[in-house]
Amino acid sequence: MLYKNTIVFTLCLIFIACGPGFVEQIQKIESSTDRTYGYTATNPIKIGFYDPRGSVDATYFFLSRLRTQSGQHLNLLYRVSVKDPAGAPFSLPKRFGPPSDGGILDNYLMQAEGSTDTIGLYFDIYRKDLLMVPSGLKFAQPDSTEK
């Protein structure tokens, strides 16, 4: 019961932080046919929303639902910010601290359960585009009956 409540609570938080657009996108998500989508810094997953904090929450939720083709969960090893090779900085809203320019991506390194192979994905949390699943991975839709 606690797990079901956690799923519902998480989905509510993401809905509030990211808005209905994100929820609609993940319900209709498709796999990309572009083998570079998400795997290279020149073709990141653009998951940006109005609030960067909401974009980070959406990214973690997205990553938590990714699976290998054989259904293995991916465990996050680390996240690091890297320079955006597009090199097109843009103004970010002042919130806390000094003004900042964009031009950075988040790189997440993950490892499939029971494997030594790693998978690296790049995310742009400041820009938004059609959300897709990188080639070779699957997206597990949230289900309140999961355990």
Protein backbone atom coordinates (compact mmCIF):
# COMPACT_ATOMS: atom_id res chain seq x y z
CA MET A 1 0.00 0.00 0.00
CA LEU A 2 2.84 2.36 0.86
CA TYR A 3 4.41 1.75 -2.56
CA LYS A 4 1.15 2.60 -4.35
CA ASN A 5 0.84 5.82 -2.34
CA THR A 6 4.45 6.69 -3.17
CA ILE A 7 3.78 6.30 -6.90
CA VAL A 8 0.66 8.46 -6.73
CA PHE A 9 2.49 11.10 -4.66
CA THR A 10 5.46 11.14 -7.08
CA LEU A 11 3.19 11.52 -10.10
CA CYS A 12 1.35 14.38 -8.35
CA LEU A 13 4.63 16.17 -7.61
CA ILE A 14 5.79 15.80 -11.20
CA PHE A 15 2.44 16.99 -12.50
CA ILE A 16 2.60 20.07 -10.27
CA ALA A 17 6.26 20.82 -11.06
CA CYS A 18 6.16 20.13 -14.79
CA GLY A 19 2.56 20.74 -15.72
CA PRO A 20 0.15 18.60 -17.70
CA GLY A 21 2.36 18.71 -20.82
CA PHE A 22 4.89 16.34 -19.28
CA VAL A 23 2.27 13.85 -18.13
CA GLU A 24 0.69 13.85 -21.59
CA GLN A 25 4.10 13.34 -23.22
CA ILE A 26 5.03 10.33 -21.11
CA GLN A 27 1.67 8.69 -21.74
CA LYS A 28 2.30 8.81 -25.51
CA ILE A 29 6.09 8.41 -25.50
CA GLU A 30 7.69 6.65 -28.45
CA SER A 31 11.18 5.37 -29.19
CA SER A 32 13.53 7.46 -31.25
CA THR A 33 14.84 6.05 -34.49
CA ASP A 34 17.87 8.35 -34.26
CA ARG A 35 20.69 6.32 -32.71
CA THR A 36 22.39 9.50 -31.42
CA TYR A 37 19.31 10.84 -29.59
CA GLY A 38 20.24 11.22 -25.93
CA TYR A 39 23.56 9.42 -26.31
CA THR A 40 25.56 12.41 -27.58
CA ALA A 41 25.99 15.94 -26.31
CA THR A 42 25.10 17.24 -29.77
CA ASN A 43 21.68 15.55 -29.61
CA PRO A 44 20.52 15.67 -25.96
CA ILE A 45 17.10 14.81 -24.60
CA LYS A 46 15.44 18.23 -24.29
CA ILE A 47 13.25 17.90 -21.22
CA GLY A 48 13.16 21.58 -20.21
CA PHE A 49 10.18 23.22 -18.60
CA TYR A 50 9.57 26.68 -17.18
CA ASP A 51 11.21 25.86 -13.87
CA PRO A 52 14.68 24.17 -13.99
CA ARG A 53 13.92 22.46 -10.66
CA GLY A 54 10.86 20.86 -12.26
CA SER A 55 13.01 19.83 -15.21
CA VAL A 56 15.43 18.03 -12.90
CA ASP A 57 12.52 16.24 -11.19
CA ALA A 58 11.15 15.25 -14.60
CA THR A 59 14.60 13.98 -15.63
CA TYR A 60 14.91 11.76 -12.57
CA PHE A 61 11.40 10.43 -13.10
CA PHE A 62 12.16 9.74 -16.78
CA LEU A 63 15.39 7.93 -15.85
CA SER A 64 13.59 5.85 -13.21
CA ARG A 65 11.25 4.50 -15.89
CA LEU A 66 13.92 3.57 -18.45
CA ARG A 67 14.69 -0.11 -18.99
CA THR A 68 16.98 -2.11 -21.24
CA GLN A 69 15.36 -4.06 -24.08
CA SER A 70 15.42 -7.13 -21.80
CA GLY A 71 13.58 -5.19 -19.06
CA GLN A 72 16.49 -4.54 -16.70
CA HIS A 73 16.33 -1.47 -14.46
CA LEU A 74 19.04 1.15 -14.85
CA ASN A 75 20.89 2.28 -11.74
CA LEU A 76 22.23 5.81 -11.64
CA LEU A 77 25.97 5.93 -11.00
CA TYR A 78 26.47 9.70 -11.23
CA ARG A 79 25.42 12.97 -12.83
CA VAL A 80 27.75 15.69 -14.06
CA SER A 81 27.17 18.99 -15.83
CA VAL A 82 29.02 19.41 -19.13
CA LYS A 83 29.37 22.21 -21.65
CA ASP A 84 26.74 22.26 -24.38
CA PRO A 85 28.66 21.84 -27.66
CA ALA A 86 25.99 23.91 -29.40
CA GLY A 87 27.51 26.72 -27.35
CA ALA A 88 24.41 28.85 -27.50
CA PRO A 89 24.06 30.38 -24.06
CA PHE A 90 20.73 31.93 -23.21
CA SER A 91 19.55 33.93 -20.27
CA LEU A 92 18.09 32.03 -17.35
CA PRO A 93 15.69 33.74 -14.96
CA LYS A 94 17.19 35.18 -11.80
CA ARG A 95 16.03 33.12 -8.88
CA PHE A 96 18.67 32.62 -6.26
CA GLY A 97 22.15 33.97 -6.72
CA PRO A 98 23.75 35.73 -9.69
CA PRO A 99 22.24 35.65 -13.19
CA SER A 100 23.31 32.68 -15.25
CA ASP A 101 23.48 31.72 -18.88
CA GLY A 102 22.51 28.35 -20.26
CA GLY A 103 24.95 26.41 -22.35
CA ILE A 104 25.23 23.38 -20.08
CA LEU A 105 23.89 19.84 -20.25
CA ASP A 106 23.46 17.15 -17.63
CA ASN A 107 25.20 13.84 -18.34
CA TYR A 108 23.89 10.81 -16.43
CA LEU A 109 25.87 7.58 -16.28
CA MET A 110 23.82 4.48 -15.56
CA GLN A 111 24.40 0.77 -15.30
CA ALA A 112 21.93 -1.99 -16.08
CA GLU A 113 21.23 -4.41 -13.24
CA GLY A 114 23.52 -7.43 -13.41
CA SER A 115 25.79 -5.85 -16.01
CA THR A 116 29.13 -4.08 -16.04
CA ASP A 117 28.20 -2.09 -19.15
CA THR A 118 27.31 1.57 -18.66
CA ILE A 119 24.94 3.85 -20.52
CA GLY A 120 25.45 7.60 -20.68
CA LEU A 121 22.59 9.96 -21.51
CA TYR A 122 22.65 13.72 -22.05
CA PHE A 123 19.78 15.98 -20.97
CA ASP A 124 19.09 19.63 -21.71
CA ILE A 125 16.91 20.80 -18.83
CA TYR A 126 16.59 24.35 -20.21
CA ARG A 127 15.11 23.61 -23.63
CA LYS A 128 12.03 21.59 -24.50
CA ASP A 129 11.33 19.37 -27.48
CA LEU A 130 9.37 16.20 -28.21
CA LEU A 131 10.31 13.71 -25.50
CA MET A 132 11.32 10.29 -26.84
CA VAL A 133 13.00 7.14 -25.54
CA PRO A 134 16.60 6.71 -26.73
CA SER A 135 17.16 3.88 -29.20
CA GLY A 136 17.81 0.54 -27.51
CA LEU A 137 15.87 1.40 -24.35
CA LYS A 138 12.25 1.01 -23.26
CA PHE A 139 10.03 3.23 -21.13
CA ALA A 140 7.99 1.51 -18.41
CA GLN A 141 4.74 3.41 -17.93
CA PRO A 142 3.85 4.10 -14.29
CA ASP A 143 1.38 1.57 -12.95
CA SER A 144 -0.23 1.73 -9.54
CA THR A 145 -0.11 -2.09 -9.27
CA GLU A 146 3.71 -2.23 -9.53
CA LYS A 147 5.74 -3.49 -6.60
